[in-house]
């Protein structure tokens, strides 16, 4: 297990550094050209006006990143558990996720590899990604490992890895926060994390590009209660939603420490296996995203690379340089 805080995990530091360098340049211009940059009197020339406007933009960006005094200590931490496995697009998927996670306050990324050991690729990536993280690994039980030609839906994937993330939370006595299962083949809006942060028990929202539809979502009554599911496939499932469509308050895991995903669940019932073991009912669900009318997460999935030319080079005994990490 590896846990650490990545370099420059606070974007305010980078923004502060940028503003410091920019302000130094402004002072140099002022000295060289004798401009009057007193913002209180307004910009007196076209050059100083452009500088003034640029500074205003930077001030606004800094204000967006500022956390009111004392807020960071009470803001619930989001623990995002991401199962991942070795494949050609793995690093590209993780890079995309990290670029979003960098902008989420009070965020801890639990990355769990489907592997007998931590791989060099993921280890090096996490050390430089800038996000606070924990790096775990657990190999999927051999009875549930997909064969080379198996369709991706044949067996439940990522189950042992998600359960390992839950184990870590309990073993490290995490007492409060929100747990989210952030698969590496999704795309996340920053708004999603602000929606889930105040979760009391289980919060829910729509997921785009999933289930063979434009979106799936919980159906919400006029009184704000979840009454069913807008989906086509297996509508009778107790919780007919995608893994990306809910978050859970840590306290639920503390109250039911044995609750886990069931890898032997029927296809499409993995989410239900966890939520039922936590004792969750429809009444416990908290609709987010404007009564589940807005989409903030998409099941995009990176296209599998077409390596016809690479395969030709391999057959010719001239593969591309394996030392170059992709």
Protein backbone atom coordinates (compact mmCIF):
# COMPACT_ATOMS: atom_id res chain seq x y z
CA UNK A 1 0.00 0.00 0.00
CA UNK A 2 1.22 3.47 -0.83
CA UNK A 3 -0.36 6.69 0.40
CA UNK A 4 0.92 10.17 -0.23
CA UNK A 5 0.06 13.67 -1.29
CA UNK A 6 1.14 14.44 -4.86
CA UNK A 7 3.23 17.50 -5.76
CA UNK A 8 1.25 20.72 -6.15
CA UNK A 9 -1.97 19.02 -5.10
CA UNK A 10 -3.39 22.45 -4.24
CA UNK A 11 -4.10 24.40 -7.43
CA UNK A 12 -4.10 27.65 -5.43
CA UNK A 13 -0.33 27.30 -5.07
CA UNK A 14 0.19 27.16 -8.82
CA UNK A 15 -2.17 30.07 -9.36
CA UNK A 16 -0.37 32.10 -6.68
CA UNK A 17 2.97 31.39 -8.33
CA UNK A 18 1.59 32.43 -11.70
CA UNK A 19 0.21 35.68 -10.27
CA UNK A 20 3.53 36.41 -8.53
CA UNK A 21 5.45 36.06 -11.79
CA UNK A 22 2.87 38.08 -13.66
CA UNK A 23 2.94 40.87 -11.07
CA UNK A 24 6.74 40.99 -11.27
CA UNK A 25 6.47 41.49 -15.01
CA UNK A 26 3.96 44.31 -14.49
CA UNK A 27 6.29 46.08 -12.07
CA UNK A 28 9.10 45.83 -14.59
CA UNK A 29 6.91 47.30 -17.33
CA UNK A 30 5.84 50.08 -14.98
CA UNK A 31 9.45 50.91 -14.20
CA UNK A 32 10.54 50.82 -17.85
CA UNK A 33 7.67 52.80 -19.34
CA UNK A 34 6.52 54.90 -16.42
CA UNK A 35 2.94 53.74 -16.65
CA UNK A 36 0.43 54.68 -14.00
CA UNK A 37 -1.09 51.33 -13.03
CA UNK A 38 -3.15 52.60 -10.12
CA UNK A 39 -6.33 50.55 -10.57
CA UNK A 40 -8.25 52.87 -8.27
CA UNK A 41 -8.03 55.66 -10.86
CA UNK A 42 -8.71 53.39 -13.81
CA UNK A 43 -6.25 52.49 -16.56
CA UNK A 44 -4.96 55.66 -18.29
CA UNK A 45 -3.60 54.11 -21.51
CA UNK A 46 -4.40 51.26 -23.91
CA UNK A 47 -1.39 49.28 -22.65
CA UNK A 48 -2.20 49.71 -18.98
CA UNK A 49 -5.87 48.99 -19.72
CA UNK A 50 -5.01 45.56 -21.12
CA UNK A 51 -2.79 44.88 -18.10
CA UNK A 52 -5.56 46.03 -15.77
CA UNK A 53 -8.10 43.71 -17.40
CA UNK A 54 -5.70 40.78 -17.26
CA UNK A 55 -5.10 41.34 -13.57
CA UNK A 56 -8.85 41.42 -12.96
CA UNK A 57 -9.19 38.04 -14.68
CA UNK A 58 -6.43 36.59 -12.50
CA UNK A 59 -8.03 37.99 -9.35
CA UNK A 60 -11.33 36.35 -10.30
CA UNK A 61 -9.62 32.98 -10.87
CA UNK A 62 -7.91 33.22 -7.49
CA UNK A 63 -11.22 34.05 -5.79
CA UNK A 64 -12.74 30.87 -7.24
CA UNK A 65 -9.97 28.75 -5.71
CA UNK A 66 -9.98 30.46 -2.33
CA UNK A 67 -11.54 28.52 0.54
CA UNK A 68 -13.11 30.64 3.29
CA UNK A 69 -11.15 30.50 6.53
CA UNK A 70 -11.99 27.35 8.45
CA UNK A 71 -14.06 25.81 5.64
CA UNK A 72 -11.44 23.23 4.59
CA UNK A 73 -11.48 21.67 8.06
CA UNK A 74 -15.25 21.02 7.93
CA UNK A 75 -15.64 20.25 4.22
CA UNK A 76 -16.36 16.47 3.92
CA UNK A 77 -13.60 14.52 2.19
CA UNK A 78 -14.56 12.65 -0.97
CA UNK A 79 -12.90 9.23 -1.22
CA UNK A 80 -12.95 8.12 -4.85
CA UNK A 81 -12.22 4.41 -5.35
CA UNK A 82 -10.95 3.59 -8.85
CA UNK A 83 -10.33 0.01 -10.00
CA UNK A 84 -7.85 -0.17 -12.89
CA UNK A 85 -6.08 -2.84 -14.89
CA UNK A 86 -3.21 -3.03 -17.37
CA UNK A 87 -4.22 -2.29 -20.96
CA UNK A 88 -3.02 0.03 -23.77
CA UNK A 89 -5.31 2.92 -22.77
CA UNK A 90 -4.80 2.64 -18.98
CA UNK A 91 -2.49 5.61 -18.57
CA UNK A 92 -4.58 7.79 -20.89
CA UNK A 93 -7.68 7.00 -18.82
CA UNK A 94 -5.94 7.81 -15.53
CA UNK A 95 -4.51 11.06 -16.87
CA UNK A 96 -8.00 12.19 -17.90
CA UNK A 97 -9.38 11.44 -14.45
CA UNK A 98 -6.52 13.19 -12.65
CA UNK A 99 -7.06 16.40 -14.61
CA UNK A 100 -10.55 16.61 -13.14
CA UNK A 101 -9.65 15.40 -9.65
CA UNK A 102 -6.91 18.05 -9.32
CA UNK A 103 -9.63 20.68 -9.07
CA UNK A 104 -11.71 18.98 -6.37
CA UNK A 105 -11.16 20.21 -2.82
CA UNK A 106 -10.73 17.74 0.06
CA UNK A 107 -10.36 14.79 -2.25
CA UNK A 108 -8.56 11.46 -1.75
CA UNK A 109 -8.06 9.08 -4.66
CA UNK A 110 -7.86 5.35 -3.87
CA UNK A 111 -6.48 3.61 -6.95
CA UNK A 112 -6.66 -0.19 -6.84
CA UNK A 113 -4.86 -2.22 -9.48
CA UNK A 114 -6.07 -5.62 -10.63
CA UNK A 115 -2.58 -7.01 -10.20
CA UNK A 116 -0.42 -9.19 -7.95
CA UNK A 117 1.75 -6.13 -7.28
CA UNK A 118 1.80 -2.40 -7.90
CA UNK A 119 2.95 -1.77 -11.47
CA UNK A 120 5.68 0.70 -12.38
CA UNK A 121 3.42 2.56 -14.79
CA UNK A 122 0.71 3.33 -12.24
CA UNK A 123 3.22 3.98 -9.44
CA UNK A 124 5.11 6.57 -11.49
CA UNK A 125 1.91 8.16 -12.74
CA UNK A 126 0.44 8.60 -9.26
CA UNK A 127 3.67 10.04 -7.86
CA UNK A 128 3.51 12.86 -10.39
CA UNK A 129 -0.22 13.37 -10.85
CA UNK A 130 -0.64 16.00 -8.13
CA UNK A 131 -3.65 14.34 -6.46
CA UNK A 132 -3.62 13.04 -2.88
CA UNK A 133 -3.81 9.27 -3.27
CA UNK A 134 -3.54 5.76 -1.90
CA UNK A 135 -2.20 3.02 -4.18
CA UNK A 136 -3.47 -0.52 -3.60
CA UNK A 137 -3.47 -3.76 -5.56
CA UNK A 138 -5.42 -7.00 -5.48
CA UNK A 139 -5.73 -9.64 -8.19
CA UNK A 140 -9.25 -10.66 -9.20
CA UNK A 141 -10.10 -14.21 -8.16
CA UNK A 142 -9.21 -16.55 -11.01
CA UNK A 143 -12.80 -17.83 -11.30
CA UNK A 144 -13.89 -14.32 -12.28
CA UNK A 145 -11.11 -13.33 -14.65
CA UNK A 146 -12.17 -12.66 -18.22
CA UNK A 147 -10.55 -14.75 -20.94
CA UNK A 148 -8.93 -13.06 -23.94
CA UNK A 149 -11.98 -13.38 -26.21
CA UNK A 150 -14.69 -12.93 -23.58
CA UNK A 151 -17.07 -9.97 -23.95
CA UNK A 152 -16.56 -7.33 -21.25
CA UNK A 153 -20.05 -7.90 -19.83
CA UNK A 154 -19.65 -11.65 -19.24
CA UNK A 155 -18.25 -11.32 -15.71
CA UNK A 156 -18.41 -8.60 -13.07
CA UNK A 157 -15.22 -6.55 -13.20
CA UNK A 158 -13.52 -4.37 -10.58
CA UNK A 159 -15.43 -5.95 -7.70
CA UNK A 160 -12.46 -7.21 -5.69
CA UNK A 161 -10.73 -3.87 -6.24
CA UNK A 162 -13.69 -1.80 -5.01
CA UNK A 163 -13.99 -4.04 -1.97
CA UNK A 164 -10.27 -3.52 -1.28
CA UNK A 165 -10.92 0.22 -1.28
CA UNK A 166 -13.71 -0.23 1.27
CA UNK A 167 -11.39 -2.41 3.37
CA UNK A 168 -8.80 0.40 3.36
CA UNK A 169 -11.33 2.93 4.64
CA UNK A 170 -12.29 0.69 7.55
CA UNK A 171 -8.74 -0.42 8.35
CA UNK A 172 -7.62 3.21 8.47
CA UNK A 173 -10.59 4.13 10.67
CA UNK A 174 -11.98 6.80 8.38
CA UNK A 175 -14.87 8.19 10.40
CA UNK A 176 -16.48 10.69 8.04
CA UNK A 177 -16.62 11.62 4.40
CA UNK A 178 -18.25 10.43 1.19
CA UNK A 179 -17.34 7.32 -0.82
CA UNK A 180 -17.64 7.32 -4.61
CA UNK A 181 -16.78 4.54 -7.04
CA UNK A 182 -15.06 6.41 -9.87
CA UNK A 183 -14.31 3.93 -12.65
CA UNK A 184 -11.46 4.90 -14.97
CA UNK A 185 -13.55 4.73 -18.15
CA UNK A 186 -15.87 7.59 -17.21
CA UNK A 187 -15.74 11.37 -17.67
CA UNK A 188 -16.56 13.57 -14.67
CA UNK A 189 -17.82 17.13 -14.37
CA UNK A 190 -16.49 19.08 -11.38
CA UNK A 191 -20.08 19.90 -10.45
CA UNK A 192 -20.68 16.22 -9.70
CA UNK A 193 -18.36 16.30 -6.69
CA UNK A 194 -20.03 19.37 -5.20
CA UNK A 195 -23.38 17.62 -5.64
CA UNK A 196 -22.27 14.51 -3.73
CA UNK A 197 -20.31 16.20 -0.94
CA UNK A 198 -23.28 16.79 1.44
CA UNK A 199 -24.47 13.16 1.15
CA UNK A 200 -26.18 12.03 4.36
CA UNK A 201 -26.77 8.39 3.41
CA UNK A 202 -26.83 7.65 -0.34
CA UNK A 203 -27.04 10.34 -3.02
CA UNK A 204 -28.05 9.55 -6.62
CA UNK A 205 -28.05 11.26 -10.04
CA UNK A 206 -28.24 10.49 -13.78
CA UNK A 207 -25.42 8.90 -15.80
CA UNK A 208 -24.98 9.70 -19.48
CA UNK A 209 -24.18 7.34 -22.37
CA UNK A 210 -25.00 4.17 -20.48
CA UNK A 211 -27.33 1.19 -20.78
CA UNK A 212 -27.66 1.66 -24.54
CA UNK A 213 -29.40 5.00 -23.89
CA UNK A 214 -28.54 8.69 -23.90
CA UNK A 215 -28.84 8.55 -20.13
CA UNK A 216 -30.27 6.56 -17.25
CA UNK A 217 -31.61 8.23 -14.12
CA UNK A 218 -33.63 7.83 -10.97
CA UNK A 219 -37.27 8.86 -11.31
CA UNK A 220 -38.06 11.54 -8.73
CA UNK A 221 -41.54 12.43 -7.48
CA UNK A 222 -42.84 15.96 -6.97
CA UNK A 223 -42.10 15.50 -3.27
CA UNK A 224 -38.42 14.84 -4.01
CA UNK A 225 -38.42 11.08 -3.42
CA UNK A 226 -36.94 8.43 -5.71
CA UNK A 227 -39.78 6.20 -6.90
CA UNK A 228 -38.13 4.14 -9.65
CA UNK A 229 -35.66 4.10 -12.51
CA UNK A 230 -35.62 5.48 -16.03
CA UNK A 231 -33.94 2.61 -17.88
CA UNK A 232 -34.82 -0.13 -20.34
CA UNK A 233 -32.61 -3.09 -19.42
CA UNK A 234 -33.61 -5.09 -16.30
CA UNK A 235 -35.97 -2.43 -14.96
CA UNK A 236 -36.95 -4.70 -12.06
CA UNK A 237 -33.54 -4.37 -10.39
CA UNK A 238 -33.95 -2.87 -6.89
CA UNK A 239 -31.26 -0.28 -7.75
CA UNK A 240 -31.25 -0.10 -11.54
CA UNK A 241 -28.39 2.36 -11.93
CA UNK A 242 -24.79 2.50 -13.04
CA UNK A 243 -21.82 2.39 -10.65
CA UNK A 244 -21.17 6.06 -11.44
CA UNK A 245 -24.66 7.09 -10.33
CA UNK A 246 -24.39 7.13 -6.54
CA UNK A 247 -22.23 8.05 -3.53
CA UNK A 248 -22.35 6.76 0.05
CA UNK A 249 -21.65 8.41 3.39
CA UNK A 250 -18.77 6.66 5.19
CA UNK A 251 -20.94 6.26 8.30
CA UNK A 252 -23.03 3.65 6.50
CA UNK A 253 -19.95 1.43 6.13
CA UNK A 254 -19.14 1.95 9.79
CA UNK A 255 -22.64 0.82 10.76
CA UNK A 256 -22.41 -2.25 8.47
CA UNK A 257 -18.69 -3.10 8.37
CA UNK A 258 -19.24 -6.40 6.52
CA UNK A 259 -21.12 -4.81 3.61
CA UNK A 260 -19.36 -5.39 0.30
CA UNK A 261 -20.01 -5.86 -3.40
CA UNK A 262 -20.85 -9.45 -4.33
CA UNK A 263 -18.68 -10.62 -7.23
CA UNK A 264 -21.07 -13.55 -7.81
CA UNK A 265 -24.02 -11.22 -8.43
CA UNK A 266 -26.08 -11.56 -11.58
CA UNK A 267 -25.13 -9.24 -14.41
CA UNK A 268 -26.30 -5.72 -13.56
CA UNK A 269 -26.86 -6.47 -9.88
CA UNK A 270 -23.43 -5.57 -8.47
CA UNK A 271 -24.58 -2.12 -7.36
CA UNK A 272 -27.67 -3.64 -5.78
CA UNK A 273 -25.56 -6.21 -3.90
CA UNK A 274 -23.69 -3.46 -2.03
CA UNK A 275 -26.65 -1.18 -1.36
CA UNK A 276 -28.86 -3.98 -0.04
CA UNK A 277 -26.05 -5.24 2.22
CA UNK A 278 -25.88 -1.69 3.61
CA UNK A 279 -29.62 -1.84 4.35
CA UNK A 280 -30.44 0.94 1.88
CA UNK A 281 -34.00 1.44 0.63
CA UNK A 282 -35.51 3.83 -1.91
CA UNK A 283 -36.49 6.13 0.96
CA UNK A 284 -32.81 6.56 1.84
CA UNK A 285 -31.86 7.90 -1.58
CA UNK A 286 -31.10 11.61 -1.93
CA UNK A 287 -31.72 12.93 -5.47
CA UNK A 288 -29.06 15.37 -6.68
CA UNK A 289 -28.37 17.19 -9.95
CA UNK A 290 -31.55 19.28 -9.86
CA UNK A 291 -33.92 16.42 -9.03
CA UNK A 292 -31.94 14.10 -11.31
CA UNK A 293 -32.57 16.25 -14.36
CA UNK A 294 -28.91 17.07 -15.18
CA UNK A 295 -26.03 14.85 -16.29
CA UNK A 296 -22.62 15.39 -14.67
CA UNK A 297 -20.96 12.04 -15.41
CA UNK A 298 -20.67 10.06 -18.65
CA UNK A 299 -19.70 6.45 -19.33
CA UNK A 300 -17.45 7.40 -22.24
CA UNK A 301 -14.92 4.54 -22.47
CA UNK A 302 -11.80 5.13 -24.53
CA UNK A 303 -11.86 3.36 -27.88
CA UNK A 304 -9.73 0.24 -28.08
CA UNK A 305 -6.65 1.12 -30.21
CA UNK A 306 -6.40 -0.30 -33.71
CA UNK A 307 -2.84 -1.61 -33.89
CA UNK A 308 -2.75 -3.16 -37.34
CA UNK A 309 0.60 -1.57 -38.20
CA UNK A 310 2.07 -2.32 -34.78
CA UNK A 311 1.06 -5.97 -35.17
CA UNK A 312 2.76 -6.02 -38.55
CA UNK A 313 5.95 -4.68 -36.98
CA UNK A 314 5.78 -7.31 -34.24
CA UNK A 315 5.45 -10.09 -36.81
CA UNK A 316 8.48 -8.65 -38.60
CA UNK A 317 10.47 -8.71 -35.38
CA UNK A 318 10.64 -4.89 -35.27
CA UNK A 319 8.19 -3.79 -32.56
CA UNK A 320 8.14 -0.18 -31.39
CA UNK A 321 10.48 0.68 -28.51
CA UNK A 322 8.96 -1.01 -25.39
CA UNK A 323 10.86 1.38 -23.12
CA UNK A 324 8.64 4.28 -24.27
CA UNK A 325 5.67 4.38 -21.91
CA UNK A 326 2.31 5.08 -23.57
